Amino acid sequence: MPKRYHHGELRQALLAAVDHLVKTKGADAVTLRECARLAGVSHAAPLHHFRDHHALLSAYVAQQWILVAERMRRAAAGLDAYAALTAIGMSYIESGMRTPGLFGLLLRPDLCPRPGTDGFENGAKAAHDELVQAVTRCAGKQDDALVELAWSSVHGFVELQLLAGVREWQGKALAMIERMRPVFQGNNH
């Protein structure tokens, strides 16, 4: 259950309510009224921060992208090139596998943070930049096709595992990433 509203923290209380709903009931359960109920405020109170439920979900997605980028950054810290790329890939996969309701929201075009917003610069773009840096370190040069291959591979892996209802995914994910090592290091070693 999310924390209830305390004066001056309504925005965060509503985002915590969204997080609770997405993780327990799925994104379709998110409404302004339900988030207000969970936060312990009137059903009109969310309108002080969000014009509608779409704006609330967009703010939530932006916040989650920031967390994804931070997890990726922490996972890669201090590691050699390929270990960092592996850690970033596993971090992304783990995020998707542990919170499938959230994962389904992250790349929805209508909810993705837009350029010029904090959620884009510090979140979605930052996560992408972490991947670009890791791929560049492995390949010895910037290669947009390899970046797309890496992102598509980990994202597609999560999608397929979630569709199949797979619970034991760690070994498969590591094996997939390890099989891609020659591709990412091919021009560098």
N, C-alpha and C. Protein backbone atom coordinates (compact mmCIF):
# COMPACT_ATOMS: atom_id res chain seq x y z
N MET A 1 0.85 -1.18 0.00
CA MET A 1 0.00 0.00 0.00
C MET A 1 0.90 1.24 0.00
N PRO A 2 0.63 2.20 -0.88
CA PRO A 2 1.46 3.41 -0.93
C PRO A 2 1.27 4.27 0.31
N LYS A 3 2.27 5.15 0.53
CA LYS A 3 2.15 6.09 1.65
C LYS A 3 0.99 7.04 1.40
N ARG A 4 0.33 7.42 2.46
CA ARG A 4 -0.77 8.37 2.35
C ARG A 4 -0.19 9.77 2.26
N TYR A 5 -0.98 10.65 1.74
CA TYR A 5 -0.59 12.03 1.50
C TYR A 5 -0.25 12.78 2.79
N HIS A 6 0.85 13.50 2.74
CA HIS A 6 1.23 14.44 3.78
C HIS A 6 1.35 15.80 3.11
N HIS A 7 1.02 16.84 3.81
CA HIS A 7 1.00 18.19 3.24
C HIS A 7 2.27 18.48 2.45
N GLY A 8 2.10 18.96 1.23
CA GLY A 8 3.21 19.32 0.38
C GLY A 8 3.79 18.18 -0.43
N GLU A 9 3.26 16.99 -0.28
CA GLU A 9 3.80 15.81 -0.97
C GLU A 9 2.74 15.10 -1.82
N LEU A 10 1.75 15.84 -2.27
CA LEU A 10 0.66 15.21 -3.02
C LEU A 10 1.16 14.56 -4.31
N ARG A 11 1.99 15.24 -5.06
CA ARG A 11 2.50 14.69 -6.31
C ARG A 11 3.16 13.34 -6.07
N GLN A 12 4.04 13.26 -5.08
CA GLN A 12 4.74 12.00 -4.80
C GLN A 12 3.78 10.93 -4.29
N ALA A 13 2.80 11.34 -3.50
CA ALA A 13 1.82 10.37 -3.00
C ALA A 13 1.01 9.79 -4.16
N LEU A 14 0.68 10.60 -5.12
CA LEU A 14 -0.08 10.12 -6.28
C LEU A 14 0.78 9.20 -7.15
N LEU A 15 2.06 9.56 -7.33
CA LEU A 15 2.96 8.70 -8.10
C LEU A 15 3.20 7.38 -7.38
N ALA A 16 3.24 7.39 -6.06
CA ALA A 16 3.36 6.15 -5.29
C ALA A 16 2.11 5.29 -5.47
N ALA A 17 0.96 5.94 -5.54
CA ALA A 17 -0.29 5.21 -5.77
C ALA A 17 -0.28 4.56 -7.16
N VAL A 18 0.21 5.29 -8.16
CA VAL A 18 0.33 4.72 -9.50
C VAL A 18 1.24 3.50 -9.47
N ASP A 19 2.38 3.63 -8.81
CA ASP A 19 3.34 2.54 -8.72
C ASP A 19 2.68 1.30 -8.10
N HIS A 20 1.97 1.51 -7.03
CA HIS A 20 1.27 0.41 -6.36
C HIS A 20 0.27 -0.25 -7.31
N LEU A 21 -0.52 0.55 -7.99
CA LEU A 21 -1.53 -0.01 -8.89
C LEU A 21 -0.90 -0.74 -10.07
N VAL A 22 0.12 -0.14 -10.68
CA VAL A 22 0.76 -0.77 -11.84
C VAL A 22 1.35 -2.11 -11.44
N LYS A 23 1.98 -2.16 -10.28
CA LYS A 23 2.67 -3.38 -9.86
C LYS A 23 1.72 -4.45 -9.29
N THR A 24 0.55 -4.05 -8.83
CA THR A 24 -0.37 -5.03 -8.26
C THR A 24 -1.56 -5.37 -9.15
N LYS A 25 -2.01 -4.40 -9.94
CA LYS A 25 -3.21 -4.63 -10.75
C LYS A 25 -3.04 -4.33 -12.22
N GLY A 26 -1.94 -3.68 -12.59
CA GLY A 26 -1.71 -3.33 -13.99
C GLY A 26 -2.11 -1.89 -14.28
N ALA A 27 -1.61 -1.40 -15.41
CA ALA A 27 -1.81 -0.01 -15.78
C ALA A 27 -3.27 0.36 -15.99
N ASP A 28 -4.08 -0.60 -16.40
CA ASP A 28 -5.49 -0.30 -16.64
C ASP A 28 -6.24 0.07 -15.37
N ALA A 29 -5.67 -0.27 -14.23
CA ALA A 29 -6.32 0.04 -12.95
C ALA A 29 -6.05 1.48 -12.50
N VAL A 30 -5.16 2.17 -13.20
CA VAL A 30 -4.79 3.53 -12.80
C VAL A 30 -5.84 4.53 -13.27
N THR A 31 -6.48 5.16 -12.29
CA THR A 31 -7.40 6.27 -12.56
C THR A 31 -7.08 7.36 -11.55
N LEU A 32 -7.43 8.59 -11.88
CA LEU A 32 -7.21 9.68 -10.93
C LEU A 32 -7.96 9.41 -9.63
N ARG A 33 -9.17 8.94 -9.76
CA ARG A 33 -10.01 8.68 -8.58
C ARG A 33 -9.39 7.61 -7.68
N GLU A 34 -8.91 6.50 -8.27
CA GLU A 34 -8.31 5.44 -7.46
C GLU A 34 -7.00 5.89 -6.83
N CYS A 35 -6.22 6.64 -7.56
CA CYS A 35 -4.97 7.16 -6.98
C CYS A 35 -5.26 8.12 -5.83
N ALA A 36 -6.28 8.94 -6.00
CA ALA A 36 -6.68 9.86 -4.92
C ALA A 36 -7.12 9.06 -3.69
N ARG A 37 -7.90 8.02 -3.92
CA ARG A 37 -8.37 7.19 -2.80
C ARG A 37 -7.18 6.58 -2.06
N LEU A 38 -6.23 6.02 -2.80
CA LEU A 38 -5.07 5.40 -2.17
C LEU A 38 -4.20 6.44 -1.43
N ALA A 39 -4.16 7.65 -1.96
CA ALA A 39 -3.37 8.71 -1.31
C ALA A 39 -4.12 9.33 -0.14
N GLY A 40 -5.41 9.05 -0.04
CA GLY A 40 -6.21 9.58 1.07
C GLY A 40 -6.63 11.02 0.88
N VAL A 41 -6.87 11.41 -0.39
CA VAL A 41 -7.30 12.78 -0.68
C VAL A 41 -8.60 12.75 -1.48
N SER A 42 -9.20 13.90 -1.65
CA SER A 42 -10.44 13.98 -2.43
C SER A 42 -10.17 13.60 -3.89
N HIS A 43 -11.21 13.17 -4.58
CA HIS A 43 -11.01 12.75 -5.97
C HIS A 43 -10.64 13.92 -6.88
N ALA A 44 -10.84 15.14 -6.45
CA ALA A 44 -10.46 16.30 -7.25
C ALA A 44 -9.03 16.76 -6.99
N ALA A 45 -8.43 16.34 -5.88
CA ALA A 45 -7.10 16.80 -5.50
C ALA A 45 -6.02 16.54 -6.56
N PRO A 46 -6.01 15.39 -7.25
CA PRO A 46 -4.96 15.16 -8.25
C PRO A 46 -4.92 16.21 -9.37
N LEU A 47 -6.05 16.86 -9.60
CA LEU A 47 -6.10 17.86 -10.68
C LEU A 47 -5.22 19.07 -10.40
N HIS A 48 -4.76 19.21 -9.18
CA HIS A 48 -3.82 20.29 -8.86
C HIS A 48 -2.45 20.03 -9.48
N HIS A 49 -2.15 18.77 -9.79
CA HIS A 49 -0.85 18.40 -10.35
C HIS A 49 -0.94 17.79 -11.74
N PHE A 50 -2.05 17.12 -12.05
CA PHE A 50 -2.18 16.38 -13.30
C PHE A 50 -3.53 16.68 -13.92
N ARG A 51 -3.53 17.05 -15.22
CA ARG A 51 -4.79 17.44 -15.87
C ARG A 51 -5.71 16.24 -16.11
N ASP A 52 -5.11 15.02 -16.20
CA ASP A 52 -5.90 13.82 -16.42
C ASP A 52 -5.05 12.60 -16.08
N HIS A 53 -5.64 11.43 -16.20
CA HIS A 53 -4.89 10.22 -15.83
C HIS A 53 -3.73 9.97 -16.78
N HIS A 54 -3.83 10.41 -18.02
CA HIS A 54 -2.74 10.27 -18.99
C HIS A 54 -1.52 11.07 -18.52
N ALA A 55 -1.75 12.28 -18.04
CA ALA A 55 -0.65 13.11 -17.53
C ALA A 55 -0.01 12.46 -16.30
N LEU A 56 -0.82 11.85 -15.46
CA LEU A 56 -0.30 11.15 -14.28
C LEU A 56 0.55 9.95 -14.70
N LEU A 57 0.06 9.16 -15.64
CA LEU A 57 0.83 8.01 -16.13
C LEU A 57 2.12 8.47 -16.82
N SER A 58 2.06 9.55 -17.58
CA SER A 58 3.26 10.08 -18.24
C SER A 58 4.32 10.49 -17.23
N ALA A 59 3.89 11.15 -16.16
CA ALA A 59 4.82 11.55 -15.09
C ALA A 59 5.42 10.31 -14.43
N TYR A 60 4.61 9.30 -14.24
CA TYR A 60 5.09 8.05 -13.65
C TYR A 60 6.12 7.38 -14.55
N VAL A 61 5.84 7.30 -15.84
CA VAL A 61 6.78 6.69 -16.79
C VAL A 61 8.09 7.47 -16.79
N ALA A 62 8.02 8.79 -16.79
CA ALA A 62 9.24 9.60 -16.75
C ALA A 62 10.04 9.29 -15.49
N GLN A 63 9.37 9.20 -14.36
CA GLN A 63 10.04 8.87 -13.10
C GLN A 63 10.68 7.48 -13.17
N GLN A 64 9.98 6.54 -13.76
CA GLN A 64 10.51 5.18 -13.85
C GLN A 64 11.71 5.09 -14.79
N TRP A 65 11.71 5.88 -15.88
CA TRP A 65 12.88 5.91 -16.76
C TRP A 65 14.10 6.42 -16.01
N ILE A 66 13.91 7.40 -15.15
CA ILE A 66 15.02 7.91 -14.35
C ILE A 66 15.58 6.79 -13.47
N LEU A 67 14.70 5.99 -12.87
CA LEU A 67 15.14 4.87 -12.04
C LEU A 67 15.84 3.79 -12.85
N VAL A 68 15.34 3.50 -14.05
CA VAL A 68 15.99 2.52 -14.93
C VAL A 68 17.40 2.99 -15.27
N ALA A 69 17.55 4.26 -15.63
CA ALA A 69 18.87 4.81 -15.98
C ALA A 69 19.81 4.73 -14.78
N GLU A 70 19.32 5.05 -13.60
CA GLU A 70 20.15 4.98 -12.40
C GLU A 70 20.59 3.54 -12.12
N ARG A 71 19.68 2.57 -12.28
CA ARG A 71 20.04 1.16 -12.07
C ARG A 71 21.08 0.71 -13.08
N MET A 72 20.92 1.13 -14.33
CA MET A 72 21.89 0.76 -15.36
C MET A 72 23.26 1.35 -15.03
N ARG A 73 23.29 2.60 -14.63
CA ARG A 73 24.54 3.28 -14.29
C ARG A 73 25.24 2.57 -13.13
N ARG A 74 24.47 2.25 -12.10
CA ARG A 74 25.05 1.55 -10.93
C ARG A 74 25.55 0.16 -11.32
N ALA A 75 24.80 -0.53 -12.16
CA ALA A 75 25.18 -1.89 -12.55
C ALA A 75 26.51 -1.91 -13.29
N ALA A 76 26.79 -0.88 -14.09
CA ALA A 76 27.99 -0.85 -14.92
C ALA A 76 29.20 -0.22 -14.24
N ALA A 77 28.99 0.42 -13.12
CA ALA A 77 30.06 1.19 -12.47
C ALA A 77 31.27 0.31 -12.15
N GLY A 78 32.42 0.76 -12.61
CA GLY A 78 33.69 0.13 -12.27
C GLY A 78 33.99 -1.17 -13.01
N LEU A 79 33.16 -1.55 -13.97
CA LEU A 79 33.37 -2.82 -14.68
C LEU A 79 34.10 -2.60 -16.00
N ASP A 80 34.76 -3.66 -16.48
CA ASP A 80 35.38 -3.55 -17.80
C ASP A 80 34.28 -3.48 -18.86
N ALA A 81 34.67 -3.26 -20.09
CA ALA A 81 33.71 -2.95 -21.15
C ALA A 81 32.60 -3.99 -21.31
N TYR A 82 32.97 -5.25 -21.52
CA TYR A 82 31.93 -6.23 -21.77
C TYR A 82 31.14 -6.56 -20.52
N ALA A 83 31.81 -6.58 -19.37
CA ALA A 83 31.10 -6.81 -18.11
C ALA A 83 30.07 -5.71 -17.86
N ALA A 84 30.44 -4.47 -18.21
CA ALA A 84 29.51 -3.35 -18.05
C ALA A 84 28.31 -3.51 -18.98
N LEU A 85 28.56 -3.91 -20.21
CA LEU A 85 27.47 -4.12 -21.16
C LEU A 85 26.57 -5.25 -20.68
N THR A 86 27.15 -6.31 -20.18
CA THR A 86 26.37 -7.43 -19.64
C THR A 86 25.53 -6.96 -18.46
N ALA A 87 26.14 -6.20 -17.56
CA ALA A 87 25.42 -5.71 -16.37
C ALA A 87 24.26 -4.80 -16.75
N ILE A 88 24.47 -3.95 -17.74
CA ILE A 88 23.41 -3.05 -18.20
C ILE A 88 22.26 -3.88 -18.81
N GLY A 89 22.61 -4.85 -19.64
CA GLY A 89 21.58 -5.71 -20.24
C GLY A 89 20.79 -6.48 -19.20
N MET A 90 21.50 -7.04 -18.24
CA MET A 90 20.83 -7.80 -17.18
C MET A 90 19.97 -6.89 -16.31
N SER A 91 20.43 -5.67 -16.08
CA SER A 91 19.66 -4.71 -15.29
C SER A 91 18.33 -4.39 -15.98
N TYR A 92 18.40 -4.16 -17.30
CA TYR A 92 17.19 -3.86 -18.07
C TYR A 92 16.25 -5.06 -18.06
N ILE A 93 16.80 -6.24 -18.31
CA ILE A 93 15.98 -7.46 -18.32
C ILE A 93 15.34 -7.67 -16.95
N GLU A 94 16.12 -7.51 -15.89
CA GLU A 94 15.57 -7.71 -14.55
C GLU A 94 14.44 -6.74 -14.27
N SER A 95 14.59 -5.49 -14.68
CA SER A 95 13.52 -4.51 -14.49
C SER A 95 12.24 -4.98 -15.15
N GLY A 96 12.36 -5.46 -16.38
CA GLY A 96 11.18 -5.92 -17.11
C GLY A 96 10.57 -7.18 -16.53
N MET A 97 11.40 -8.12 -16.14
CA MET A 97 10.89 -9.39 -15.64
C MET A 97 10.27 -9.25 -14.25
N ARG A 98 10.79 -8.37 -13.44
CA ARG A 98 10.28 -8.22 -12.07
C ARG A 98 9.04 -7.32 -12.00
N THR A 99 8.88 -6.45 -12.97
CA THR A 99 7.72 -5.54 -12.96
C THR A 99 7.11 -5.46 -14.36
N PRO A 100 6.45 -6.54 -14.78
CA PRO A 100 5.91 -6.56 -16.15
C PRO A 100 4.89 -5.46 -16.43
N GLY A 101 4.10 -5.07 -15.44
CA GLY A 101 3.13 -4.00 -15.68
C GLY A 101 3.82 -2.69 -16.02
N LEU A 102 4.90 -2.42 -15.34
CA LEU A 102 5.68 -1.22 -15.61
C LEU A 102 6.36 -1.33 -16.97
N PHE A 103 6.93 -2.48 -17.24
CA PHE A 103 7.66 -2.68 -18.49
C PHE A 103 6.79 -2.36 -19.70
N GLY A 104 5.53 -2.77 -19.63
CA GLY A 104 4.62 -2.50 -20.73
C GLY A 104 4.36 -1.02 -20.96
N LEU A 105 4.56 -0.21 -19.94
CA LEU A 105 4.33 1.24 -20.06
C LEU A 105 5.54 2.00 -20.60
N LEU A 106 6.74 1.51 -20.32
CA LEU A 106 7.94 2.30 -20.58
C LEU A 106 8.09 2.76 -22.03
N LEU A 107 7.71 1.94 -22.97
CA LEU A 107 7.91 2.30 -24.37
C LEU A 107 6.62 2.66 -25.10
N ARG A 108 5.57 2.87 -24.36
CA ARG A 108 4.33 3.31 -25.02
C ARG A 108 4.54 4.71 -25.57
N PRO A 109 4.38 4.90 -26.88
CA PRO A 109 4.66 6.20 -27.48
C PRO A 109 3.87 7.35 -26.87
N ASP A 110 2.66 7.09 -26.44
CA ASP A 110 1.84 8.16 -25.87
C ASP A 110 2.26 8.53 -24.45
N LEU A 111 3.11 7.71 -23.81
CA LEU A 111 3.53 7.98 -22.44
C LEU A 111 5.01 8.31 -22.31
N CYS A 112 5.80 7.99 -23.33
CA CYS A 112 7.24 8.22 -23.23
C CYS A 112 7.53 9.70 -23.03
N PRO A 113 8.53 9.98 -22.19
CA PRO A 113 8.91 11.38 -21.97
C PRO A 113 9.36 12.04 -23.27
N ARG A 114 9.04 13.28 -23.43
CA ARG A 114 9.38 14.04 -24.63
C ARG A 114 10.71 14.78 -24.44
N PRO A 115 11.47 14.97 -25.54
CA PRO A 115 12.71 15.75 -25.43
C PRO A 115 12.44 17.11 -24.77
N GLY A 116 13.40 17.51 -23.95
CA GLY A 116 13.27 18.78 -23.24
C GLY A 116 12.66 18.65 -21.87
N THR A 117 12.18 17.45 -21.51
CA THR A 117 11.61 17.24 -20.19
C THR A 117 12.62 16.51 -19.32
N ASP A 118 12.46 16.65 -18.01
CA ASP A 118 13.37 16.00 -17.07
C ASP A 118 13.34 14.49 -17.25
N GLY A 119 12.18 13.93 -17.45
CA GLY A 119 12.05 12.49 -17.62
C GLY A 119 12.78 11.98 -18.85
N PHE A 120 12.85 12.81 -19.88
CA PHE A 120 13.58 12.42 -21.09
C PHE A 120 15.08 12.55 -20.87
N GLU A 121 15.51 13.73 -20.45
CA GLU A 121 16.94 13.99 -20.30
C GLU A 121 17.59 13.11 -19.24
N ASN A 122 16.95 12.97 -18.10
CA ASN A 122 17.53 12.20 -16.99
C ASN A 122 17.07 10.74 -16.98
N GLY A 123 16.12 10.40 -17.82
CA GLY A 123 15.56 9.05 -17.80
C GLY A 123 15.80 8.30 -19.09
N ALA A 124 14.87 8.42 -20.04
CA ALA A 124 14.92 7.63 -21.27
C ALA A 124 16.22 7.88 -22.04
N LYS A 125 16.59 9.13 -22.21
CA LYS A 125 17.83 9.45 -22.92
C LYS A 125 19.04 8.99 -22.12
N ALA A 126 19.01 9.16 -20.81
CA ALA A 126 20.13 8.74 -19.97
C ALA A 126 20.32 7.23 -20.04
N ALA A 127 19.22 6.46 -20.04
CA ALA A 127 19.32 5.01 -20.16
C ALA A 127 19.92 4.64 -21.52
N HIS A 128 19.45 5.30 -22.56
CA HIS A 128 19.99 5.05 -23.90
C HIS A 128 21.47 5.41 -23.95
N ASP A 129 21.84 6.53 -23.36
CA ASP A 129 23.24 6.97 -23.35
C ASP A 129 24.14 5.98 -22.63
N GLU A 130 23.64 5.38 -21.54
CA GLU A 130 24.41 4.36 -20.82
C GLU A 130 24.70 3.19 -21.75
N LEU A 131 23.70 2.78 -22.50
CA LEU A 131 23.87 1.67 -23.44
C LEU A 131 24.86 2.05 -24.55
N VAL A 132 24.72 3.26 -25.10
CA VAL A 132 25.62 3.71 -26.16
C VAL A 132 27.07 3.68 -25.67
N GLN A 133 27.30 4.19 -24.47
CA GLN A 133 28.66 4.20 -23.92
C GLN A 133 29.22 2.79 -23.75
N ALA A 134 28.39 1.89 -23.24
CA ALA A 134 28.85 0.51 -23.03
C ALA A 134 29.15 -0.18 -24.35
N VAL A 135 28.28 -0.01 -25.33
CA VAL A 135 28.50 -0.62 -26.65
C VAL A 135 29.75 -0.03 -27.29
N THR A 136 29.92 1.29 -27.19
CA THR A 136 31.09 1.96 -27.77
C THR A 136 32.38 1.45 -27.14
N ARG A 137 32.37 1.26 -25.83
CA ARG A 137 33.57 0.73 -25.16
C ARG A 137 33.88 -0.68 -25.66
N CYS A 138 32.87 -1.49 -25.85
CA CYS A 138 33.09 -2.86 -26.33
C CYS A 138 33.58 -2.89 -27.77
N ALA A 139 32.92 -2.15 -28.62
CA ALA A 139 33.22 -2.18 -30.06
C ALA A 139 34.44 -1.35 -30.42
N GLY A 140 34.82 -0.43 -29.54
CA GLY A 140 35.95 0.44 -29.84
C GLY A 140 35.58 1.62 -30.70
N LYS A 141 34.31 1.76 -31.00
CA LYS A 141 33.80 2.89 -31.79
C LYS A 141 32.30 2.96 -31.59
N GLN A 142 31.73 4.11 -31.88
CA GLN A 142 30.28 4.22 -31.79
C GLN A 142 29.66 3.54 -33.00
N ASP A 143 28.69 2.69 -32.73
CA ASP A 143 28.04 1.91 -33.79
C ASP A 143 26.55 1.84 -33.47
N ASP A 144 25.76 2.67 -34.15
CA ASP A 144 24.33 2.74 -33.88
C ASP A 144 23.61 1.41 -34.11
N ALA A 145 24.08 0.64 -35.09
CA ALA A 145 23.44 -0.65 -35.36
C ALA A 145 23.66 -1.61 -34.19
N LEU A 146 24.84 -1.57 -33.59
CA LEU A 146 25.08 -2.43 -32.42
C LEU A 146 24.27 -1.98 -31.22
N VAL A 147 24.09 -0.68 -31.08
CA VAL A 147 23.25 -0.17 -29.98
C VAL A 147 21.83 -0.68 -30.16
N GLU A 148 21.29 -0.59 -31.37
CA GLU A 148 19.94 -1.08 -31.64
C GLU A 148 19.85 -2.58 -31.44
N LEU A 149 20.89 -3.31 -31.83
CA LEU A 149 20.91 -4.76 -31.62
C LEU A 149 20.85 -5.07 -30.12
N ALA A 150 21.65 -4.37 -29.33
CA ALA A 150 21.68 -4.62 -27.89
C ALA A 150 20.32 -4.31 -27.27
N TRP A 151 19.77 -3.13 -27.57
CA TRP A 151 18.50 -2.72 -26.98
C TRP A 151 17.38 -3.66 -27.42
N SER A 152 17.35 -3.96 -28.71
CA SER A 152 16.30 -4.85 -29.24
C SER A 152 16.40 -6.25 -28.63
N SER A 153 17.61 -6.71 -28.43
CA SER A 153 17.81 -8.05 -27.87
C SER A 153 17.28 -8.15 -26.45
N VAL A 154 17.66 -7.20 -25.60
CA VAL A 154 17.20 -7.31 -24.21
C VAL A 154 15.71 -7.02 -24.09
N HIS A 155 15.24 -6.05 -24.87
CA HIS A 155 13.81 -5.73 -24.81
C HIS A 155 12.99 -6.91 -25.36
N GLY A 156 13.42 -7.44 -26.50
CA GLY A 156 12.71 -8.57 -27.08
C GLY A 156 12.75 -9.80 -26.19
N PHE A 157 13.87 -10.01 -25.51
CA PHE A 157 13.98 -11.13 -24.58
C PHE A 157 12.90 -11.02 -23.51
N VAL A 158 12.77 -9.83 -22.93
CA VAL A 158 11.76 -9.64 -21.88
C VAL A 158 10.37 -9.89 -22.44
N GLU A 159 10.07 -9.30 -23.58
CA GLU A 159 8.75 -9.48 -24.19
C GLU A 159 8.42 -10.96 -24.38
N LEU A 160 9.36 -11.71 -24.94
CA LEU A 160 9.11 -13.13 -25.20
C LEU A 160 8.96 -13.93 -23.92
N GLN A 161 9.79 -13.65 -22.92
CA GLN A 161 9.71 -14.38 -21.66
C GLN A 161 8.40 -14.09 -20.95
N LEU A 162 7.98 -12.84 -20.98
CA LEU A 162 6.71 -12.48 -20.34
C LEU A 162 5.54 -13.14 -21.05
N LEU A 163 5.56 -13.14 -22.38
CA LEU A 163 4.48 -13.79 -23.13
C LEU A 163 4.40 -15.28 -22.82
N ALA A 164 5.55 -15.92 -22.64
CA ALA A 164 5.60 -17.36 -22.38
C ALA A 164 5.37 -17.69 -20.90
N GLY A 165 5.35 -16.68 -20.05
CA GLY A 165 5.16 -16.92 -18.63
C GLY A 165 6.35 -17.57 -17.95
N VAL A 166 7.54 -17.35 -18.47
CA VAL A 166 8.76 -17.95 -17.94
C VAL A 166 9.12 -17.32 -16.59
N ARG A 167 9.46 -18.16 -15.64
CA ARG A 167 9.85 -17.67 -14.30
C ARG A 167 11.36 -17.72 -14.09
N GLU A 168 12.01 -18.70 -14.66
CA GLU A 168 13.47 -18.85 -14.52
C GLU A 168 14.12 -18.29 -15.78
N TRP A 169 14.55 -17.07 -15.73
CA TRP A 169 15.03 -16.39 -16.91
C TRP A 169 16.51 -15.99 -16.82
N GLN A 170 17.10 -15.94 -15.63
CA GLN A 170 18.44 -15.40 -15.46
C GLN A 170 19.47 -16.15 -16.30
N GLY A 171 19.46 -17.48 -16.23
CA GLY A 171 20.43 -18.26 -17.00
C GLY A 171 20.28 -18.06 -18.50
N LYS A 172 19.04 -18.03 -18.97
CA LYS A 172 18.80 -17.80 -20.40
C LYS A 172 19.28 -16.42 -20.83
N ALA A 173 19.04 -15.43 -19.97
CA ALA A 173 19.46 -14.06 -20.31
C ALA A 173 20.98 -13.96 -20.39
N LEU A 174 21.66 -14.53 -19.41
CA LEU A 174 23.13 -14.50 -19.44
C LEU A 174 23.68 -15.25 -20.65
N ALA A 175 23.08 -16.38 -20.98
CA ALA A 175 23.53 -17.15 -22.14
C ALA A 175 23.34 -16.35 -23.42
N MET A 176 22.22 -15.66 -23.55
CA MET A 176 21.97 -14.85 -24.74
C MET A 176 23.02 -13.74 -24.85
N ILE A 177 23.24 -13.05 -23.75
CA ILE A 177 24.21 -11.95 -23.78
C ILE A 177 25.61 -12.48 -24.08
N GLU A 178 25.95 -13.60 -23.51
CA GLU A 178 27.28 -14.18 -23.75
C GLU A 178 27.44 -14.58 -25.21
N ARG A 179 26.39 -15.10 -25.83
CA ARG A 179 26.45 -15.48 -27.25
C ARG A 179 26.65 -14.27 -28.15
N MET A 180 26.28 -13.10 -27.67
CA MET A 180 26.44 -11.88 -28.48
C MET A 180 27.82 -11.25 -28.32
N ARG A 181 28.62 -11.74 -27.39
CA ARG A 181 29.94 -11.17 -27.13
C ARG A 181 30.77 -11.00 -28.41
N PRO A 182 30.88 -12.03 -29.26
CA PRO A 182 31.71 -11.85 -30.47
C PRO A 182 31.23 -10.72 -31.38
N VAL A 183 29.94 -10.50 -31.41
CA VAL A 183 29.39 -9.43 -32.24
C VAL A 183 29.84 -8.07 -31.71
N PHE A 184 29.76 -7.90 -30.39
CA PHE A 184 30.09 -6.61 -29.81
C PHE A 184 31.60 -6.40 -29.71
N GLN A 185 32.36 -7.45 -29.62
CA GLN A 185 33.81 -7.30 -29.51
C GLN A 185 34.53 -7.62 -30.81
N GLY A 186 33.79 -7.98 -31.85
CA GLY A 186 34.37 -8.42 -33.11
C GLY A 186 35.41 -7.51 -33.72
N ASN A 187 35.20 -6.22 -33.69
CA ASN A 187 36.13 -5.29 -34.31
C ASN A 187 37.17 -4.76 -33.34
N ASN A 188 37.09 -5.20 -32.10
CA ASN A 188 37.96 -4.62 -31.07
C ASN A 188 39.00 -5.62 -30.61
N HIS A 189 38.80 -6.91 -30.89
CA HIS A 189 39.73 -7.94 -30.39
C HIS A 189 40.13 -8.88 -31.47
